[in-house]
């Protein structure tokens, strides 16, 4: 089974997650959301499944946004600035996991 990891290559958490998943024998397809932004359908899916947590409000990318965009729906924020997404998002057989917490690690490793 191939897992899809959505993130950016310079994100330390994304690198840690990818290394751990591959070390556990998973095949990992990496999707750089800066180079290949999420489609409108993917943004809507992520926002519906993960809610407002999908936006990393502490990130420099988010803080640079105009105040009106900051108050928008999560999918609109991600459309305006893909790197404002909390990372990584990992897809496994239709399920989405957010971040690299101990709970996510337990579920995937």
N, C-alpha and C. Protein backbone atom coordinates (compact mmCIF):
# COMPACT_ATOMS: atom_id res chain seq x y z
N UNK A 1 0.84 -1.17 0.00
CA UNK A 1 0.00 0.00 0.00
C UNK A 1 0.89 1.24 0.00
N UNK A 2 0.54 2.19 -0.85
CA UNK A 2 1.29 3.44 -0.93
C UNK A 2 0.59 4.51 -0.11
N UNK A 3 1.35 5.19 0.72
CA UNK A 3 0.85 6.33 1.47
C UNK A 3 1.24 7.59 0.71
N UNK A 4 0.40 8.59 0.75
CA UNK A 4 0.74 9.87 0.14
C UNK A 4 0.97 10.87 1.26
N UNK A 5 2.12 11.50 1.24
CA UNK A 5 2.48 12.49 2.24
C UNK A 5 2.47 13.85 1.56
N UNK A 6 1.61 14.74 2.04
CA UNK A 6 1.49 16.09 1.50
C UNK A 6 2.27 17.03 2.41
N UNK A 7 3.16 17.82 1.83
CA UNK A 7 3.96 18.75 2.62
C UNK A 7 4.88 19.54 1.73
N UNK A 8 5.98 20.01 2.32
CA UNK A 8 7.02 20.68 1.55
C UNK A 8 8.36 20.05 1.91
N UNK A 9 9.28 19.98 0.96
CA UNK A 9 10.53 19.26 1.19
C UNK A 9 11.42 19.86 2.27
N UNK A 10 11.24 21.14 2.59
CA UNK A 10 12.09 21.77 3.60
C UNK A 10 11.53 21.64 5.02
N UNK A 11 10.38 21.01 5.16
CA UNK A 11 9.74 20.86 6.47
C UNK A 11 10.38 19.69 7.23
N UNK A 12 10.96 19.98 8.39
CA UNK A 12 11.61 18.93 9.19
C UNK A 12 10.63 17.83 9.60
N UNK A 13 9.42 18.20 9.96
CA UNK A 13 8.43 17.21 10.38
C UNK A 13 8.06 16.29 9.22
N UNK A 14 7.94 16.86 8.03
CA UNK A 14 7.65 16.03 6.84
C UNK A 14 8.78 15.05 6.57
N UNK A 15 10.02 15.53 6.71
CA UNK A 15 11.18 14.65 6.48
C UNK A 15 11.21 13.53 7.51
N UNK A 16 10.95 13.85 8.78
CA UNK A 16 10.94 12.83 9.84
C UNK A 16 9.86 11.79 9.58
N UNK A 17 8.67 12.25 9.22
CA UNK A 17 7.56 11.34 8.96
C UNK A 17 7.87 10.43 7.78
N UNK A 18 8.38 11.00 6.72
CA UNK A 18 8.70 10.22 5.52
C UNK A 18 9.76 9.16 5.83
N UNK A 19 10.80 9.57 6.55
CA UNK A 19 11.87 8.63 6.90
C UNK A 19 11.34 7.49 7.77
N UNK A 20 10.51 7.82 8.75
CA UNK A 20 9.97 6.79 9.64
C UNK A 20 9.02 5.84 8.89
N UNK A 21 8.19 6.41 8.03
CA UNK A 21 7.25 5.57 7.27
C UNK A 21 8.00 4.64 6.32
N UNK A 22 8.99 5.17 5.62
CA UNK A 22 9.78 4.33 4.71
C UNK A 22 10.57 3.29 5.50
N UNK A 23 11.09 3.68 6.67
CA UNK A 23 11.81 2.74 7.52
C UNK A 23 10.93 1.61 8.03
N UNK A 24 9.63 1.88 8.14
CA UNK A 24 8.68 0.85 8.57
C UNK A 24 8.19 0.00 7.41
N UNK A 25 8.73 0.26 6.21
CA UNK A 25 8.40 -0.57 5.05
C UNK A 25 7.28 -0.04 4.18
N UNK A 26 6.80 1.16 4.46
CA UNK A 26 5.74 1.74 3.64
C UNK A 26 6.33 2.39 2.40
N UNK A 27 5.59 2.30 1.32
CA UNK A 27 5.94 3.05 0.12
C UNK A 27 5.29 4.41 0.26
N UNK A 28 6.07 5.47 0.15
CA UNK A 28 5.57 6.82 0.38
C UNK A 28 5.71 7.65 -0.88
N UNK A 29 4.58 8.17 -1.35
CA UNK A 29 4.58 9.12 -2.47
C UNK A 29 4.53 10.51 -1.85
N UNK A 30 5.52 11.34 -2.15
CA UNK A 30 5.59 12.68 -1.58
C UNK A 30 4.98 13.68 -2.53
N UNK A 31 4.13 14.55 -2.01
CA UNK A 31 3.50 15.60 -2.82
C UNK A 31 3.89 16.95 -2.24
N UNK A 32 4.67 17.70 -2.99
CA UNK A 32 5.10 19.03 -2.59
C UNK A 32 3.96 20.00 -2.90
N UNK A 33 3.29 20.49 -1.86
CA UNK A 33 2.13 21.35 -2.07
C UNK A 33 2.50 22.75 -2.55
N UNK A 34 3.77 23.09 -2.45
CA UNK A 34 4.22 24.38 -3.00
C UNK A 34 4.36 24.24 -4.52
N UNK A 35 4.97 23.17 -4.97
CA UNK A 35 5.18 22.95 -6.41
C UNK A 35 3.91 22.49 -7.11
N UNK A 36 3.10 21.71 -6.41
CA UNK A 36 1.85 21.19 -6.97
C UNK A 36 0.72 21.42 -5.95
N UNK A 37 0.17 22.64 -5.92
CA UNK A 37 -0.86 22.96 -4.93
C UNK A 37 -2.06 22.02 -5.00
N UNK A 38 -2.75 21.94 -3.89
CA UNK A 38 -3.95 21.10 -3.82
C UNK A 38 -5.00 21.62 -4.79
N UNK A 39 -5.74 20.70 -5.38
CA UNK A 39 -6.84 21.08 -6.26
C UNK A 39 -8.00 21.60 -5.40
N UNK A 40 -8.97 22.28 -6.00
CA UNK A 40 -10.13 22.72 -5.21
C UNK A 40 -10.83 21.55 -4.52
N UNK A 41 -10.93 20.42 -5.19
CA UNK A 41 -11.57 19.24 -4.58
C UNK A 41 -10.77 18.72 -3.39
N UNK A 42 -9.44 18.71 -3.52
CA UNK A 42 -8.59 18.26 -2.41
C UNK A 42 -8.66 19.24 -1.23
N UNK A 43 -8.65 20.53 -1.52
CA UNK A 43 -8.77 21.52 -0.43
C UNK A 43 -10.08 21.34 0.31
N UNK A 44 -11.17 21.13 -0.42
CA UNK A 44 -12.48 20.92 0.21
C UNK A 44 -12.49 19.63 1.03
N UNK A 45 -11.89 18.57 0.49
CA UNK A 45 -11.82 17.29 1.20
C UNK A 45 -11.02 17.43 2.49
N UNK A 46 -9.86 18.07 2.43
CA UNK A 46 -9.01 18.24 3.61
C UNK A 46 -9.74 19.08 4.66
N UNK A 47 -10.39 20.16 4.23
CA UNK A 47 -11.10 21.03 5.17
C UNK A 47 -12.27 20.29 5.81
N UNK A 48 -12.99 19.49 5.02
CA UNK A 48 -14.12 18.74 5.56
C UNK A 48 -13.66 17.67 6.55
N UNK A 49 -12.57 16.99 6.23
CA UNK A 49 -12.10 15.89 7.07
C UNK A 49 -11.34 16.37 8.31
N UNK A 50 -10.58 17.45 8.16
CA UNK A 50 -9.68 17.87 9.23
C UNK A 50 -10.11 19.17 9.91
N UNK A 51 -11.06 19.86 9.32
CA UNK A 51 -11.57 21.09 9.92
C UNK A 51 -10.55 22.21 9.91
N UNK A 52 -10.74 23.19 10.78
CA UNK A 52 -9.86 24.35 10.79
C UNK A 52 -8.42 24.02 11.20
N UNK A 53 -8.20 22.83 11.78
CA UNK A 53 -6.83 22.43 12.16
C UNK A 53 -5.92 22.30 10.96
N UNK A 54 -6.48 22.20 9.75
CA UNK A 54 -5.67 22.06 8.55
C UNK A 54 -4.82 23.31 8.31
N UNK A 55 -5.22 24.43 8.86
CA UNK A 55 -4.47 25.68 8.69
C UNK A 55 -3.54 25.87 9.88
N UNK A 56 -2.26 26.08 9.58
CA UNK A 56 -1.27 26.34 10.62
C UNK A 56 -1.21 27.85 10.85
N UNK A 57 -1.97 28.31 11.81
CA UNK A 57 -2.09 29.74 12.07
C UNK A 57 -0.83 30.34 12.68
N UNK A 58 0.12 29.51 13.09
CA UNK A 58 1.38 30.01 13.65
C UNK A 58 2.47 30.15 12.59
N UNK A 59 2.20 29.69 11.39
CA UNK A 59 3.24 29.71 10.35
C UNK A 59 3.47 31.11 9.80
N UNK A 60 4.69 31.38 9.37
CA UNK A 60 4.98 32.67 8.72
C UNK A 60 4.12 32.87 7.48
N UNK A 61 3.83 31.79 6.77
CA UNK A 61 3.00 31.89 5.57
C UNK A 61 1.61 32.42 5.90
N UNK A 62 1.05 31.95 6.99
CA UNK A 62 -0.28 32.41 7.41
C UNK A 62 -0.23 33.85 7.89
N UNK A 63 0.77 34.17 8.68
CA UNK A 63 0.87 35.52 9.26
C UNK A 63 1.03 36.60 8.20
N UNK A 64 1.59 36.25 7.04
CA UNK A 64 1.79 37.22 5.96
C UNK A 64 0.50 37.52 5.18
N UNK A 65 -0.52 36.69 5.38
CA UNK A 65 -1.76 36.86 4.63
C UNK A 65 -2.52 38.10 5.08
N UNK A 66 -3.29 38.65 4.16
CA UNK A 66 -4.17 39.77 4.46
C UNK A 66 -5.22 39.31 5.49
N UNK A 67 -5.64 40.22 6.34
CA UNK A 67 -6.59 39.87 7.41
C UNK A 67 -7.89 39.28 6.87
N UNK A 68 -8.35 39.76 5.72
CA UNK A 68 -9.60 39.23 5.18
C UNK A 68 -9.42 37.77 4.75
N UNK A 69 -8.25 37.42 4.24
CA UNK A 69 -7.98 36.03 3.86
C UNK A 69 -7.87 35.17 5.11
N UNK A 70 -7.23 35.69 6.16
CA UNK A 70 -7.08 34.94 7.41
C UNK A 70 -8.43 34.53 8.00
N UNK A 71 -9.45 35.33 7.75
CA UNK A 71 -10.78 35.06 8.29
C UNK A 71 -11.63 34.20 7.36
N UNK A 72 -11.06 33.78 6.23
CA UNK A 72 -11.78 32.97 5.25
C UNK A 72 -11.88 31.52 5.70
N UNK A 73 -12.61 30.74 4.92
CA UNK A 73 -12.72 29.30 5.15
C UNK A 73 -11.35 28.66 4.94
N UNK A 74 -11.07 27.55 5.63
CA UNK A 74 -9.76 26.89 5.49
C UNK A 74 -9.36 26.62 4.03
N UNK A 75 -10.31 26.16 3.22
CA UNK A 75 -9.95 25.85 1.83
C UNK A 75 -9.55 27.11 1.06
N UNK A 76 -10.13 28.25 1.41
CA UNK A 76 -9.77 29.51 0.75
C UNK A 76 -8.38 29.98 1.20
N UNK A 77 -8.06 29.75 2.46
CA UNK A 77 -6.73 30.09 2.96
C UNK A 77 -5.68 29.25 2.24
N UNK A 78 -5.96 27.95 2.08
CA UNK A 78 -5.01 27.07 1.40
C UNK A 78 -4.88 27.41 -0.09
N UNK A 79 -5.95 27.93 -0.67
CA UNK A 79 -5.88 28.35 -2.08
C UNK A 79 -4.99 29.58 -2.21
N UNK A 80 -5.08 30.48 -1.24
CA UNK A 80 -4.28 31.70 -1.28
C UNK A 80 -2.82 31.43 -0.93
N UNK A 81 -2.58 30.50 -0.01
CA UNK A 81 -1.21 30.23 0.44
C UNK A 81 -1.09 28.74 0.81
N UNK A 82 -0.70 27.89 -0.16
CA UNK A 82 -0.63 26.44 0.10
C UNK A 82 0.27 26.05 1.27
N UNK A 83 1.31 26.84 1.53
CA UNK A 83 2.23 26.47 2.61
C UNK A 83 1.70 26.84 4.00
N UNK A 84 0.50 27.41 4.07
CA UNK A 84 -0.14 27.67 5.36
C UNK A 84 -0.79 26.39 5.91
N UNK A 85 -0.70 25.32 5.15
CA UNK A 85 -1.27 24.04 5.58
C UNK A 85 -0.43 23.44 6.71
N UNK A 86 -1.10 22.93 7.74
CA UNK A 86 -0.38 22.20 8.78
C UNK A 86 0.16 20.93 8.13
N UNK A 87 1.40 20.59 8.46
CA UNK A 87 2.07 19.49 7.78
C UNK A 87 2.59 18.47 8.78
N UNK A 88 2.74 17.25 8.29
CA UNK A 88 2.25 16.73 7.02
C UNK A 88 0.79 16.30 7.11
N UNK A 89 0.19 16.15 5.95
CA UNK A 89 -1.09 15.44 5.83
C UNK A 89 -0.73 14.14 5.14
N UNK A 90 -1.17 13.03 5.73
CA UNK A 90 -0.84 11.72 5.19
C UNK A 90 -2.14 11.01 4.83
N UNK A 91 -2.19 10.52 3.59
CA UNK A 91 -3.37 9.79 3.12
C UNK A 91 -3.04 8.30 3.09
N UNK A 92 -3.90 7.53 3.74
CA UNK A 92 -3.80 6.08 3.68
C UNK A 92 -5.18 5.53 3.39
N UNK A 93 -5.33 4.95 2.21
CA UNK A 93 -6.59 4.33 1.80
C UNK A 93 -7.81 5.18 2.12
N UNK A 94 -7.78 6.43 1.70
CA UNK A 94 -8.94 7.29 1.89
C UNK A 94 -9.01 7.98 3.24
N UNK A 95 -8.18 7.59 4.19
CA UNK A 95 -8.15 8.25 5.50
C UNK A 95 -7.07 9.31 5.49
N UNK A 96 -7.33 10.43 6.15
CA UNK A 96 -6.36 11.51 6.25
C UNK A 96 -5.88 11.65 7.69
N UNK A 97 -4.59 11.81 7.84
CA UNK A 97 -3.96 12.01 9.15
C UNK A 97 -3.23 13.34 9.11
N UNK A 98 -3.34 14.10 10.19
CA UNK A 98 -2.74 15.42 10.23
C UNK A 98 -1.62 15.47 11.25
N UNK A 99 -0.45 15.95 10.81
CA UNK A 99 0.69 16.09 11.70
C UNK A 99 1.45 14.79 11.88
N UNK A 100 2.36 14.80 12.84
CA UNK A 100 3.19 13.63 13.11
C UNK A 100 3.24 13.40 14.63
N UNK A 101 2.07 13.41 15.23
CA UNK A 101 1.94 13.20 16.68
C UNK A 101 2.11 11.72 17.01
N UNK A 102 2.20 11.41 18.27
CA UNK A 102 2.32 10.02 18.70
C UNK A 102 1.10 9.20 18.25
N UNK A 103 -0.08 9.80 18.24
CA UNK A 103 -1.29 9.10 17.78
C UNK A 103 -1.19 8.74 16.31
N UNK A 104 -0.71 9.68 15.50
CA UNK A 104 -0.57 9.42 14.06
C UNK A 104 0.49 8.36 13.83
N UNK A 105 1.60 8.46 14.56
CA UNK A 105 2.65 7.46 14.43
C UNK A 105 2.14 6.08 14.80
N UNK A 106 1.38 5.98 15.88
CA UNK A 106 0.83 4.70 16.32
C UNK A 106 -0.10 4.11 15.27
N UNK A 107 -0.87 4.96 14.61
CA UNK A 107 -1.81 4.49 13.59
C UNK A 107 -1.12 4.02 12.32
N UNK A 108 0.01 4.63 12.00
CA UNK A 108 0.64 4.36 10.70
C UNK A 108 1.88 3.49 10.75
N UNK A 109 2.53 3.39 11.88
CA UNK A 109 3.76 2.61 11.94
C UNK A 109 3.51 1.20 12.44
